[in-house]
Amino acid sequence: MPYRDDDNEVLHPKEFPEPEQDGDGLLPCPYCLAVLYEDSVRCPHCGRYLSEEDAPNRKPWWIVAGVLLCLAVVLYWIWAP
């Protein structure tokens, strides 16, 4: 199996062998190096999305809580006697 560095030096722990091109459709995860299918959107081992386009667009909880708190203060200010 060919390695990325052809000079046979010691491999860095994050380096891995190139996937075999026998048509099995398996590739290593770029984050945890687990084996996954070529058309996978998310790694089943580490749970990370393989591209930014596939990842859901979520807002942090503290931004949502801050907006709701500000809205509550404004509504209280408007309707307070």
PDB file of N, CA and C in Angstrom:
ATOM      1  N   MET A   1       0.846  -1.162   0.000  1.00  0.00           N
ATOM      2  CA  MET A   1       0.000   0.000   0.000  1.00  0.00           C
ATOM      3  C   MET A   1       0.899   1.233   0.000  1.00  0.00           C
ATOM      4  N   PRO A   2       0.731   2.157  -0.943  1.00  0.00           N
ATOM      5  CA  PRO A   2       1.595   3.333  -1.011  1.00  0.00           C
ATOM      6  C   PRO A   2       1.263   4.339   0.085  1.00  0.00           C
ATOM      7  N   TYR A   3       2.278   4.953   0.638  1.00  0.00           N
ATOM      8  CA  TYR A   3       2.097   5.981   1.643  1.00  0.00           C
ATOM      9  C   TYR A   3       2.277   7.343   1.010  1.00  0.00           C
ATOM     10  N   ARG A   4       1.839   8.367   1.710  1.00  0.00           N
ATOM     11  CA  ARG A   4       1.947   9.721   1.167  1.00  0.00           C
ATOM     12  C   ARG A   4       3.393  10.153   1.003  1.00  0.00           C
ATOM     13  N   ASP A   5       4.243   9.723   1.905  1.00  0.00           N
ATOM     14  CA  ASP A   5       5.664  10.049   1.730  1.00  0.00           C
ATOM     15  C   ASP A   5       6.352   8.801   1.162  1.00  0.00           C
ATOM     16  N   ASP A   6       6.916   8.941  -0.004  1.00  0.00           N
ATOM     17  CA  ASP A   6       7.488   7.796  -0.699  1.00  0.00           C
ATOM     18  C   ASP A   6       8.907   7.450  -0.242  1.00  0.00           C
ATOM     19  N   ASP A   7       9.487   8.269   0.629  1.00  0.00           N
ATOM     20  CA  ASP A   7      10.864   8.019   1.034  1.00  0.00           C
ATOM     21  C   ASP A   7      10.963   7.101   2.262  1.00  0.00           C
ATOM     22  N   ASN A   8       9.854   6.558   2.737  1.00  0.00           N
ATOM     23  CA  ASN A   8       9.796   5.590   3.827  1.00  0.00           C
ATOM     24  C   ASN A   8      10.352   6.109   5.147  1.00  0.00           C
ATOM     25  N   GLU A   9      10.240   7.397   5.371  1.00  0.00           N
ATOM     26  CA  GLU A   9      10.607   7.938   6.677  1.00  0.00           C
ATOM     27  C   GLU A   9       9.490   7.617   7.665  1.00  0.00           C
ATOM     28  N   VAL A  10       9.739   7.911   8.928  1.00  0.00           N
ATOM     29  CA  VAL A  10       8.732   7.657   9.958  1.00  0.00           C
ATOM     30  C   VAL A  10       7.537   8.571   9.706  1.00  0.00           C
ATOM     31  N   LEU A  11       6.338   7.979   9.727  1.00  0.00           N
ATOM     32  CA  LEU A  11       5.134   8.744   9.466  1.00  0.00           C
ATOM     33  C   LEU A  11       4.694   9.510  10.701  1.00  0.00           C
ATOM     34  N   HIS A  12       4.176  10.691  10.484  1.00  0.00           N
ATOM     35  CA  HIS A  12       3.558  11.474  11.546  1.00  0.00           C
ATOM     36  C   HIS A  12       2.279  10.743  11.957  1.00  0.00           C
ATOM     37  N   PRO A  13       1.874  10.782  13.237  1.00  0.00           N
ATOM     38  CA  PRO A  13       0.681  10.038  13.662  1.00  0.00           C
ATOM     39  C   PRO A  13      -0.588  10.396  12.894  1.00  0.00           C
ATOM     40  N   LYS A  14      -0.693  11.616  12.382  1.00  0.00           N
ATOM     41  CA  LYS A  14      -1.893  12.010  11.646  1.00  0.00           C
ATOM     42  C   LYS A  14      -1.840  11.614  10.173  1.00  0.00           C
ATOM     43  N   GLU A  15      -0.700  11.158   9.693  1.00  0.00           N
ATOM     44  CA  GLU A  15      -0.634  10.711   8.312  1.00  0.00           C
ATOM     45  C   GLU A  15      -1.229   9.315   8.220  1.00  0.00           C
ATOM     46  N   PHE A  16      -1.732   9.004   7.075  1.00  0.00           N
ATOM     47  CA  PHE A  16      -2.367   7.706   6.891  1.00  0.00           C
ATOM     48  C   PHE A  16      -2.138   7.251   5.457  1.00  0.00           C
ATOM     49  N   PRO A  17      -2.255   5.978   5.221  1.00  0.00           N
ATOM     50  CA  PRO A  17      -2.073   5.480   3.855  1.00  0.00           C
ATOM     51  C   PRO A  17      -3.173   5.991   2.940  1.00  0.00           C
ATOM     52  N   GLU A  18      -2.845   6.153   1.692  1.00  0.00           N
ATOM     53  CA  GLU A  18      -3.846   6.532   0.715  1.00  0.00           C
ATOM     54  C   GLU A  18      -4.874   5.406   0.602  1.00  0.00           C
ATOM     55  N   PRO A  19      -6.147   5.742   0.429  1.00  0.00           N
ATOM     56  CA  PRO A  19      -7.144   4.682   0.280  1.00  0.00           C
ATOM     57  C   PRO A  19      -6.921   3.912  -1.009  1.00  0.00           C
ATOM     58  N   GLU A  20      -7.210   2.636  -0.951  1.00  0.00           N
ATOM     59  CA  GLU A  20      -7.038   1.809  -2.134  1.00  0.00           C
ATOM     60  C   GLU A  20      -8.085   2.180  -3.169  1.00  0.00           C
ATOM     61  N   GLN A  21      -7.694   2.147  -4.412  1.00  0.00           N
ATOM     62  CA  GLN A  21      -8.587   2.535  -5.490  1.00  0.00           C
ATOM     63  C   GLN A  21      -9.234   1.301  -6.127  1.00  0.00           C
ATOM     64  N   ASP A  22      -9.777   0.415  -5.325  1.00  0.00           N
ATOM     65  CA  ASP A  22     -10.397  -0.789  -5.875  1.00  0.00           C
ATOM     66  C   ASP A  22     -11.906  -0.651  -6.002  1.00  0.00           C
ATOM     67  N   GLY A  23     -12.432   0.555  -5.820  1.00  0.00           N
ATOM     68  CA  GLY A  23     -13.851   0.786  -6.029  1.00  0.00           C
ATOM     69  C   GLY A  23     -14.722   0.466  -4.843  1.00  0.00           C
ATOM     70  N   ASP A  24     -14.155   0.300  -3.646  1.00  0.00           N
ATOM     71  CA  ASP A  24     -14.979  -0.030  -2.495  1.00  0.00           C
ATOM     72  C   ASP A  24     -15.687   1.192  -1.921  1.00  0.00           C
ATOM     73  N   GLY A  25     -15.272   2.407  -2.261  1.00  0.00           N
ATOM     74  CA  GLY A  25     -15.941   3.623  -1.817  1.00  0.00           C
ATOM     75  C   GLY A  25     -15.680   3.984  -0.377  1.00  0.00           C
ATOM     76  N   LEU A  26     -14.584   3.517   0.215  1.00  0.00           N
ATOM     77  CA  LEU A  26     -14.258   3.843   1.596  1.00  0.00           C
ATOM     78  C   LEU A  26     -13.111   4.842   1.639  1.00  0.00           C
ATOM     79  N   LEU A  27     -13.256   5.832   2.520  1.00  0.00           N
ATOM     80  CA  LEU A  27     -12.235   6.862   2.701  1.00  0.00           C
ATOM     81  C   LEU A  27     -12.006   7.082   4.184  1.00  0.00           C
ATOM     82  N   PRO A  28     -10.851   7.618   4.576  1.00  0.00           N
ATOM     83  CA  PRO A  28     -10.638   7.957   5.985  1.00  0.00           C
ATOM     84  C   PRO A  28     -11.258   9.308   6.321  1.00  0.00           C
ATOM     85  N   CYS A  29     -11.744   9.428   7.539  1.00  0.00           N
ATOM     86  CA  CYS A  29     -12.266  10.702   8.031  1.00  0.00           C
ATOM     87  C   CYS A  29     -11.096  11.677   8.180  1.00  0.00           C
ATOM     88  N   PRO A  30     -11.221  12.933   7.743  1.00  0.00           N
ATOM     89  CA  PRO A  30     -10.119  13.881   7.874  1.00  0.00           C
ATOM     90  C   PRO A  30      -9.848  14.310   9.318  1.00  0.00           C
ATOM     91  N   TYR A  31     -10.759  14.033  10.240  1.00  0.00           N
ATOM     92  CA  TYR A  31     -10.589  14.462  11.623  1.00  0.00           C
ATOM     93  C   TYR A  31     -10.101  13.332  12.537  1.00  0.00           C
ATOM     94  N   CYS A  32     -10.733  12.147  12.435  1.00  0.00           N
ATOM     95  CA  CYS A  32     -10.379  11.057  13.357  1.00  0.00           C
ATOM     96  C   CYS A  32      -9.791   9.844  12.649  1.00  0.00           C
ATOM     97  N   LEU A  33      -9.724   9.878  11.325  1.00  0.00           N
ATOM     98  CA  LEU A  33      -9.154   8.819  10.490  1.00  0.00           C
ATOM     99  C   LEU A  33      -9.938   7.513  10.530  1.00  0.00           C
ATOM    100  N   ALA A  34     -11.180   7.542  10.992  1.00  0.00           N
ATOM    101  CA  ALA A  34     -12.028   6.354  10.945  1.00  0.00           C
ATOM    102  C   ALA A  34     -12.456   6.114   9.501  1.00  0.00           C
ATOM    103  N   VAL A  35     -12.784   4.901   9.177  1.00  0.00           N
ATOM    104  CA  VAL A  35     -13.199   4.558   7.823  1.00  0.00           C
ATOM    105  C   VAL A  35     -14.666   4.921   7.644  1.00  0.00           C
ATOM    106  N   LEU A  36     -14.973   5.617   6.546  1.00  0.00           N
ATOM    107  CA  LEU A  36     -16.342   5.967   6.240  1.00  0.00           C
ATOM    108  C   LEU A  36     -16.582   5.873   4.747  1.00  0.00           C
ATOM    109  N   TYR A  37     -17.846   5.858   4.362  1.00  0.00           N
ATOM    110  CA  TYR A  37     -18.191   5.751   2.955  1.00  0.00           C
ATOM    111  C   TYR A  37     -17.913   7.058   2.227  1.00  0.00           C
ATOM    112  N   GLU A  38     -17.656   6.965   0.948  1.00  0.00           N
ATOM    113  CA  GLU A  38     -17.289   8.118   0.144  1.00  0.00           C
ATOM    114  C   GLU A  38     -18.392   9.168   0.098  1.00  0.00           C
ATOM    115  N   ASP A  39     -19.649   8.763   0.097  1.00  0.00           N
ATOM    116  CA  ASP A  39     -20.754   9.715   0.007  1.00  0.00           C
ATOM    117  C   ASP A  39     -21.310  10.110   1.378  1.00  0.00           C
ATOM    118  N   SER A  40     -20.577   9.873   2.445  1.00  0.00           N
ATOM    119  CA  SER A  40     -21.017  10.235   3.791  1.00  0.00           C
ATOM    120  C   SER A  40     -20.999  11.748   3.964  1.00  0.00           C
ATOM    121  N   VAL A  41     -21.968  12.236   4.718  1.00  0.00           N
ATOM    122  CA  VAL A  41     -22.042  13.651   5.042  1.00  0.00           C
ATOM    123  C   VAL A  41     -21.400  13.903   6.403  1.00  0.00           C
ATOM    124  N   ARG A  42     -21.506  12.910   7.290  1.00  0.00           N
ATOM    125  CA  ARG A  42     -21.043  13.047   8.665  1.00  0.00           C
ATOM    126  C   ARG A  42     -20.314  11.765   9.062  1.00  0.00           C
ATOM    127  N   CYS A  43     -19.252  11.904   9.842  1.00  0.00           N
ATOM    128  CA  CYS A  43     -18.494  10.744  10.296  1.00  0.00           C
ATOM    129  C   CYS A  43     -19.276  10.029  11.399  1.00  0.00           C
ATOM    130  N   PRO A  44     -19.505   8.718  11.270  1.00  0.00           N
ATOM    131  CA  PRO A  44     -20.242   8.011  12.317  1.00  0.00           C
ATOM    132  C   PRO A  44     -19.421   7.815  13.591  1.00  0.00           C
ATOM    133  N   HIS A  45     -18.104   7.949  13.508  1.00  0.00           N
ATOM    134  CA  HIS A  45     -17.254   7.739  14.678  1.00  0.00           C
ATOM    135  C   HIS A  45     -17.138   9.000  15.533  1.00  0.00           C
ATOM    136  N   CYS A  46     -16.711  10.116  14.935  1.00  0.00           N
ATOM    137  CA  CYS A  46     -16.506  11.345  15.715  1.00  0.00           C
ATOM    138  C   CYS A  46     -17.696  12.299  15.634  1.00  0.00           C
ATOM    139  N   GLY A  47     -18.599  12.106  14.654  1.00  0.00           N
ATOM    140  CA  GLY A  47     -19.797  12.927  14.566  1.00  0.00           C
ATOM    141  C   GLY A  47     -19.615  14.270  13.885  1.00  0.00           C
ATOM    142  N   ARG A  48     -18.429  14.563  13.376  1.00  0.00           N
ATOM    143  CA  ARG A  48     -18.194  15.855  12.727  1.00  0.00           C
ATOM    144  C   ARG A  48     -18.639  15.811  11.276  1.00  0.00           C
ATOM    145  N   TYR A  49     -19.116  16.955  10.789  1.00  0.00           N
ATOM    146  CA  TYR A  49     -19.497  17.060   9.388  1.00  0.00           C
ATOM    147  C   TYR A  49     -18.239  17.182   8.541  1.00  0.00           C
ATOM    148  N   LEU A  50     -18.269  16.609   7.358  1.00  0.00           N
ATOM    149  CA  LEU A  50     -17.088  16.569   6.513  1.00  0.00           C
ATOM    150  C   LEU A  50     -16.894  17.846   5.718  1.00  0.00           C
ATOM    151  N   SER A  51     -17.918  18.697   5.618  1.00  0.00           N
ATOM    152  CA  SER A  51     -17.763  19.980   4.940  1.00  0.00           C
ATOM    153  C   SER A  51     -18.617  21.026   5.651  1.00  0.00           C
ATOM    154  N   GLU A  52     -18.252  22.280   5.483  1.00  0.00           N
ATOM    155  CA  GLU A  52     -18.993  23.375   6.103  1.00  0.00           C
ATOM    156  C   GLU A  52     -20.395  23.500   5.514  1.00  0.00           C
ATOM    157  N   GLU A  53     -20.571  23.155   4.241  1.00  0.00           N
ATOM    158  CA  GLU A  53     -21.873  23.268   3.597  1.00  0.00           C
ATOM    159  C   GLU A  53     -22.877  22.284   4.182  1.00  0.00           C
ATOM    160  N   ASP A  54     -22.405  21.134   4.647  1.00  0.00           N
ATOM    161  CA  ASP A  54     -23.298  20.115   5.187  1.00  0.00           C
ATOM    162  C   ASP A  54     -23.661  20.365   6.645  1.00  0.00           C
ATOM    163  N   ALA A  55     -22.868  21.130   7.345  1.00  0.00           N
ATOM    164  CA  ALA A  55     -23.106  21.372   8.768  1.00  0.00           C
ATOM    165  C   ALA A  55     -24.327  22.279   8.947  1.00  0.00           C
ATOM    166  N   PRO A  56     -25.162  21.995   9.952  1.00  0.00           N
ATOM    167  CA  PRO A  56     -26.323  22.855  10.183  1.00  0.00           C
ATOM    168  C   PRO A  56     -25.885  24.223  10.699  1.00  0.00           C
ATOM    169  N   ASN A  57     -26.631  25.228  10.322  1.00  0.00           N
ATOM    170  CA  ASN A  57     -26.335  26.595  10.741  1.00  0.00           C
ATOM    171  C   ASN A  57     -27.103  26.876  12.027  1.00  0.00           C
ATOM    172  N   ARG A  58     -26.415  26.764  13.160  1.00  0.00           N
ATOM    173  CA  ARG A  58     -27.060  26.975  14.448  1.00  0.00           C
ATOM    174  C   ARG A  58     -26.432  28.168  15.141  1.00  0.00           C
ATOM    175  N   LYS A  59     -27.256  28.903  15.838  1.00  0.00           N
ATOM    176  CA  LYS A  59     -26.789  30.029  16.640  1.00  0.00           C
ATOM    177  C   LYS A  59     -26.451  29.519  18.036  1.00  0.00           C
ATOM    178  N   PRO A  60     -25.438  30.104  18.671  1.00  0.00           N
ATOM    179  CA  PRO A  60     -25.128  29.721  20.052  1.00  0.00           C
ATOM    180  C   PRO A  60     -26.314  30.038  20.969  1.00  0.00           C
ATOM    181  N   TRP A  61     -26.499  29.241  21.995  1.00  0.00           N
ATOM    182  CA  TRP A  61     -27.645  29.395  22.887  1.00  0.00           C
ATOM    183  C   TRP A  61     -27.638  30.735  23.605  1.00  0.00           C
ATOM    184  N   TRP A  62     -26.466  31.279  23.894  1.00  0.00           N
ATOM    185  CA  TRP A  62     -26.415  32.515  24.652  1.00  0.00           C
ATOM    186  C   TRP A  62     -26.860  33.712  23.811  1.00  0.00           C
ATOM    187  N   ILE A  63     -26.719  33.637  22.495  1.00  0.00           N
ATOM    188  CA  ILE A  63     -27.223  34.717  21.642  1.00  0.00           C
ATOM    189  C   ILE A  63     -28.746  34.692  21.630  1.00  0.00           C
ATOM    190  N   VAL A  64     -29.328  33.509  21.497  1.00  0.00           N
ATOM    191  CA  VAL A  64     -30.780  33.383  21.506  1.00  0.00           C
ATOM    192  C   VAL A  64     -31.335  33.836  22.852  1.00  0.00           C
ATOM    193  N   ALA A  65     -30.705  33.429  23.947  1.00  0.00           N
ATOM    194  CA  ALA A  65     -31.164  33.834  25.281  1.00  0.00           C
ATOM    195  C   ALA A  65     -31.036  35.348  25.467  1.00  0.00           C
ATOM    196  N   GLY A  66     -29.960  35.952  24.966  1.00  0.00           N
ATOM    197  CA  GLY A  66     -29.777  37.404  25.077  1.00  0.00           C
ATOM    198  C   GLY A  66     -30.822  38.176  24.301  1.00  0.00           C
ATOM    199  N   VAL A  67     -31.155  37.711  23.111  1.00  0.00           N
ATOM    200  CA  VAL A  67     -32.181  38.377  22.308  1.00  0.00           C
ATOM    201  C   VAL A  67     -33.537  38.278  23.003  1.00  0.00           C
ATOM    202  N   LEU A  68     -33.873  37.108  23.529  1.00  0.00           N
ATOM    203  CA  LEU A  68     -35.141  36.953  24.238  1.00  0.00           C
ATOM    204  C   LEU A  68     -35.198  37.820  25.497  1.00  0.00           C
ATOM    205  N   LEU A  69     -34.106  37.928  26.206  1.00  0.00           N
ATOM    206  CA  LEU A  69     -34.059  38.771  27.397  1.00  0.00           C
ATOM    207  C   LEU A  69     -34.233  40.241  27.031  1.00  0.00           C
ATOM    208  N   CYS A  70     -33.571  40.684  25.982  1.00  0.00           N
ATOM    209  CA  CYS A  70     -33.727  42.079  25.529  1.00  0.00           C
ATOM    210  C   CYS A  70     -35.157  42.352  25.086  1.00  0.00           C
ATOM    211  N   LEU A  71     -35.763  41.421  24.398  1.00  0.00           N
ATOM    212  CA  LEU A  71     -37.150  41.571  23.979  1.00  0.00           C
ATOM    213  C   LEU A  71     -38.074  41.664  25.185  1.00  0.00           C
ATOM    214  N   ALA A  72     -37.833  40.847  26.207  1.00  0.00           N
ATOM    215  CA  ALA A  72     -38.650  40.887  27.424  1.00  0.00           C
ATOM    216  C   ALA A  72     -38.493  42.225  28.139  1.00  0.00           C
ATOM    217  N   VAL A  73     -37.287  42.768  28.199  1.00  0.00           N
ATOM    218  CA  VAL A  73     -37.054  44.060  28.848  1.00  0.00           C
ATOM    219  C   VAL A  73     -37.767  45.169  28.081  1.00  0.00           C
ATOM    220  N   VAL A  74     -37.704  45.165  26.755  1.00  0.00           N
ATOM    221  CA  VAL A  74     -38.377  46.190  25.957  1.00  0.00           C
ATOM    222  C   VAL A  74     -39.885  46.095  26.133  1.00  0.00           C
ATOM    223  N   LEU A  75     -40.441  44.889  26.112  1.00  0.00           N
ATOM    224  CA  LEU A  75     -41.881  44.741  26.311  1.00  0.00           C
ATOM    225  C   LEU A  75     -42.303  45.182  27.712  1.00  0.00           C
ATOM    226  N   TYR A  76     -41.515  44.885  28.716  1.00  0.00           N
ATOM    227  CA  TYR A  76     -41.811  45.323  30.076  1.00  0.00           C
ATOM    228  C   TYR A  76     -41.754  46.849  30.163  1.00  0.00           C
ATOM    229  N   TRP A  77     -40.794  47.455  29.502  1.00  0.00           N
ATOM    230  CA  TRP A  77     -40.629  48.913  29.514  1.00  0.00           C
ATOM    231  C   TRP A  77     -41.815  49.597  28.834  1.00  0.00           C
ATOM    232  N   ILE A  78     -42.331  48.983  27.759  1.00  0.00           N
ATOM    233  CA  ILE A  78     -43.465  49.567  27.047  1.00  0.00           C
ATOM    234  C   ILE A  78     -44.763  49.446  27.853  1.00  0.00           C
ATOM    235  N   TRP A  79     -45.018  48.291  28.453  1.00  0.00           N
ATOM    236  CA  TRP A  79     -46.281  48.041  29.127  1.00  0.00           C
ATOM    237  C   TRP A  79     -46.250  48.284  30.628  1.00  0.00           C
ATOM    238  N   ALA A  80     -45.138  48.687  31.183  1.00  0.00           N
ATOM    239  CA  ALA A  80     -45.070  48.925  32.635  1.00  0.00           C
ATOM    240  C   ALA A  80     -45.821  50.209  32.980  1.00  0.00           C
ATOM    241  N   PRO A  81     -46.529  50.216  34.101  1.00  0.00           N
ATOM    242  CA  PRO A  81     -47.295  51.422  34.486  1.00  0.00           C
ATOM    243  C   PRO A  81     -46.416  52.567  34.918  1.00  0.00           C
TER     244      PRO A  81
END
